[in-house]
C-alpha atoms as a PDB file:
ATOM      1  CA  UNK A   1       0.000   0.000   0.000  1.00  0.00           C
ATOM      2  CA  UNK A   2       1.361   3.407  -0.969  1.00  0.00           C
ATOM      3  CA  UNK A   3       2.183   5.846   1.799  1.00  0.00           C
ATOM      4  CA  UNK A   4       1.164   9.495   1.745  1.00  0.00           C
ATOM      5  CA  UNK A   5       4.015  11.973   1.231  1.00  0.00           C
ATOM      6  CA  UNK A   6       4.104  15.501   2.647  1.00  0.00           C
ATOM      7  CA  UNK A   7       5.650  18.117   0.352  1.00  0.00           C
ATOM      8  CA  UNK A   8       6.871  21.192   2.231  1.00  0.00           C
ATOM      9  CA  UNK A   9       8.492  24.319   0.796  1.00  0.00           C
ATOM     10  CA  UNK A  10      11.591  24.908   2.935  1.00  0.00           C
ATOM     11  CA  UNK A  11      13.158  27.669   0.861  1.00  0.00           C
ATOM     12  CA  UNK A  12      12.215  29.875  -2.051  1.00  0.00           C
ATOM     13  CA  UNK A  13      14.783  31.924  -3.942  1.00  0.00           C
ATOM     14  CA  UNK A  14      14.480  34.734  -6.483  1.00  0.00           C
ATOM     15  CA  UNK A  15      17.354  35.997  -8.592  1.00  0.00           C
ATOM     16  CA  UNK A  16      16.537  39.516  -9.697  1.00  0.00           C
ATOM     17  CA  UNK A  17      19.599  39.795 -11.947  1.00  0.00           C
ATOM     18  CA  UNK A  18      18.492  36.740 -13.936  1.00  0.00           C
ATOM     19  CA  UNK A  19      14.900  37.934 -14.026  1.00  0.00           C
ATOM     20  CA  UNK A  20      16.012  41.314 -15.363  1.00  0.00           C
ATOM     21  CA  UNK A  21      17.977  39.621 -18.103  1.00  0.00           C
ATOM     22  CA  UNK A  22      15.726  36.710 -19.138  1.00  0.00           C
ATOM     23  CA  UNK A  23      12.223  36.841 -17.639  1.00  0.00           C
ATOM     24  CA  UNK A  24       9.018  38.516 -18.683  1.00  0.00           C
ATOM     25  CA  UNK A  25       8.437  41.869 -16.966  1.00  0.00           C
ATOM     26  CA  UNK A  26       7.233  41.738 -13.354  1.00  0.00           C
ATOM     27  CA  UNK A  27       7.750  37.976 -12.986  1.00  0.00           C
ATOM     28  CA  UNK A  28       8.385  38.085  -9.234  1.00  0.00           C
ATOM     29  CA  UNK A  29       9.113  35.209  -6.860  1.00  0.00           C
ATOM     30  CA  UNK A  30       7.336  31.891  -7.257  1.00  0.00           C
ATOM     31  CA  UNK A  31       3.872  32.042  -5.683  1.00  0.00           C
ATOM     32  CA  UNK A  32       4.088  28.388  -4.570  1.00  0.00           C
ATOM     33  CA  UNK A  33       4.462  28.462  -0.780  1.00  0.00           C
ATOM     34  CA  UNK A  34       2.308  25.662   0.540  1.00  0.00           C
ATOM     35  CA  UNK A  35       2.481  22.394   2.380  1.00  0.00           C
ATOM     36  CA  UNK A  36       0.857  19.721   0.240  1.00  0.00           C
ATOM     37  CA  UNK A  37       0.119  16.055   0.688  1.00  0.00           C
ATOM     38  CA  UNK A  38       0.392  13.497  -2.062  1.00  0.00           C
ATOM     39  CA  UNK A  39      -1.627  10.324  -1.712  1.00  0.00           C
ATOM     40  CA  UNK A  40       0.717   7.793  -3.243  1.00  0.00           C
ATOM     41  CA  UNK A  41       2.186   9.174  -6.446  1.00  0.00           C
ATOM     42  CA  UNK A  42      -0.621  11.566  -7.388  1.00  0.00           C
ATOM     43  CA  UNK A  43       0.181  15.235  -8.022  1.00  0.00           C
ATOM     44  CA  UNK A  44      -1.574  17.212  -5.283  1.00  0.00           C
ATOM     45  CA  UNK A  45      -4.010  19.897  -6.329  1.00  0.00           C
ATOM     46  CA  UNK A  46      -2.177  23.231  -6.414  1.00  0.00           C
ATOM     47  CA  UNK A  47       1.242  21.685  -7.076  1.00  0.00           C
ATOM     48  CA  UNK A  48       3.124  23.384  -9.889  1.00  0.00           C
ATOM     49  CA  UNK A  49       3.262  21.037 -12.895  1.00  0.00           C
ATOM     50  CA  UNK A  50       6.861  21.971 -13.732  1.00  0.00           C
ATOM     51  CA  UNK A  51       8.046  21.292 -10.181  1.00  0.00           C
ATOM     52  CA  UNK A  52       6.066  18.031 -10.182  1.00  0.00           C
ATOM     53  CA  UNK A  53       8.097  16.775 -13.151  1.00  0.00           C
ATOM     54  CA  UNK A  54      11.119  16.667 -10.842  1.00  0.00           C
ATOM     55  CA  UNK A  55       9.435  16.025  -7.491  1.00  0.00           C
ATOM     56  CA  UNK A  56       6.894  13.442  -8.684  1.00  0.00           C
ATOM     57  CA  UNK A  57       9.277  10.518  -9.293  1.00  0.00           C
ATOM     58  CA  UNK A  58      10.822  11.022  -5.848  1.00  0.00           C
ATOM     59  CA  UNK A  59       7.389  11.205  -4.231  1.00  0.00           C
ATOM     60  CA  UNK A  60       6.493   7.919  -5.938  1.00  0.00           C
ATOM     61  CA  UNK A  61       9.668   6.252  -4.650  1.00  0.00           C
ATOM     62  CA  UNK A  62       9.078   7.433  -1.092  1.00  0.00           C
ATOM     63  CA  UNK A  63       5.391   6.480  -1.210  1.00  0.00           C
ATOM     64  CA  UNK A  64       6.365   2.942  -2.232  1.00  0.00           C
ATOM     65  CA  UNK A  65       8.882   2.666   0.603  1.00  0.00           C
ATOM     66  CA  UNK A  66      11.915   2.984  -1.682  1.00  0.00           C
ATOM     67  CA  UNK A  67      14.947   5.170  -1.076  1.00  0.00           C
ATOM     68  CA  UNK A  68      15.563   8.244  -3.212  1.00  0.00           C
ATOM     69  CA  UNK A  69      19.321   7.982  -2.698  1.00  0.00           C
ATOM     70  CA  UNK A  70      21.553   5.116  -1.561  1.00  0.00           C
ATOM     71  CA  UNK A  71      21.354   4.739   2.209  1.00  0.00           C
ATOM     72  CA  UNK A  72      23.864   6.852   4.119  1.00  0.00           C
ATOM     73  CA  UNK A  73      25.297   8.612   1.073  1.00  0.00           C
ATOM     74  CA  UNK A  74      23.399  11.875   1.003  1.00  0.00           C
ATOM     75  CA  UNK A  75      20.906  12.583   3.770  1.00  0.00           C
ATOM     76  CA  UNK A  76      20.881  11.486   7.405  1.00  0.00           C
ATOM     77  CA  UNK A  77      17.293  10.240   7.138  1.00  0.00           C
ATOM     78  CA  UNK A  78      16.600   7.900   4.222  1.00  0.00           C
ATOM     79  CA  UNK A  79      12.830   8.443   4.497  1.00  0.00           C
ATOM     80  CA  UNK A  80      13.051  12.059   3.298  1.00  0.00           C
ATOM     81  CA  UNK A  81      14.321  13.910   0.262  1.00  0.00           C
ATOM     82  CA  UNK A  82      15.406  17.513  -0.274  1.00  0.00           C
ATOM     83  CA  UNK A  83      15.016  18.574  -3.883  1.00  0.00           C
ATOM     84  CA  UNK A  84      14.379  21.645  -6.027  1.00  0.00           C
ATOM     85  CA  UNK A  85      12.205  22.654  -8.928  1.00  0.00           C
ATOM     86  CA  UNK A  86      14.063  23.364 -12.188  1.00  0.00           C
ATOM     87  CA  UNK A  87      13.256  27.102 -12.329  1.00  0.00           C
ATOM     88  CA  UNK A  88      16.656  28.808 -12.467  1.00  0.00           C
ATOM     89  CA  UNK A  89      15.249  32.291 -11.844  1.00  0.00           C
ATOM     90  CA  UNK A  90      13.003  31.457  -8.891  1.00  0.00           C
ATOM     91  CA  UNK A  91      13.799  27.979  -7.569  1.00  0.00           C
ATOM     92  CA  UNK A  92      11.837  26.417  -4.750  1.00  0.00           C
ATOM     93  CA  UNK A  93      13.412  23.842  -2.432  1.00  0.00           C
ATOM     94  CA  UNK A  94      11.142  21.056  -1.187  1.00  0.00           C
ATOM     95  CA  UNK A  95      11.300  18.630   1.715  1.00  0.00           C
ATOM     96  CA  UNK A  96       9.564  15.341   0.894  1.00  0.00           C
ATOM     97  CA  UNK A  97       8.565  13.149   3.847  1.00  0.00           C
ATOM     98  CA  UNK A  98       6.853   9.770   3.619  1.00  0.00           C
ATOM     99  CA  UNK A  99       4.438   8.726   6.322  1.00  0.00           C
ATOM    100  CA  UNK A 100       6.049   6.436   8.850  1.00  0.00           C
END
């Protein structure tokens, strides 16, 4: 049975110099600042689709009880993952935690 996974924004960055050079006018920081819950490997309502492309496979792994990284090689707790969306102008860092 798949476990639920909590997706928490732990940091949100915004690089004005990159926005000035590459982004549409008045882009601003990412508006995604929520705590969401994924039931199994389903994208939660309100989750950015671009971020989900990166986060989704890791959520699926955690929900199935798998490790995201080899045990003891990256994070102290193998039941979590720290990952980022691919937006280079306004990246958001997520903490993924599977239910125990």
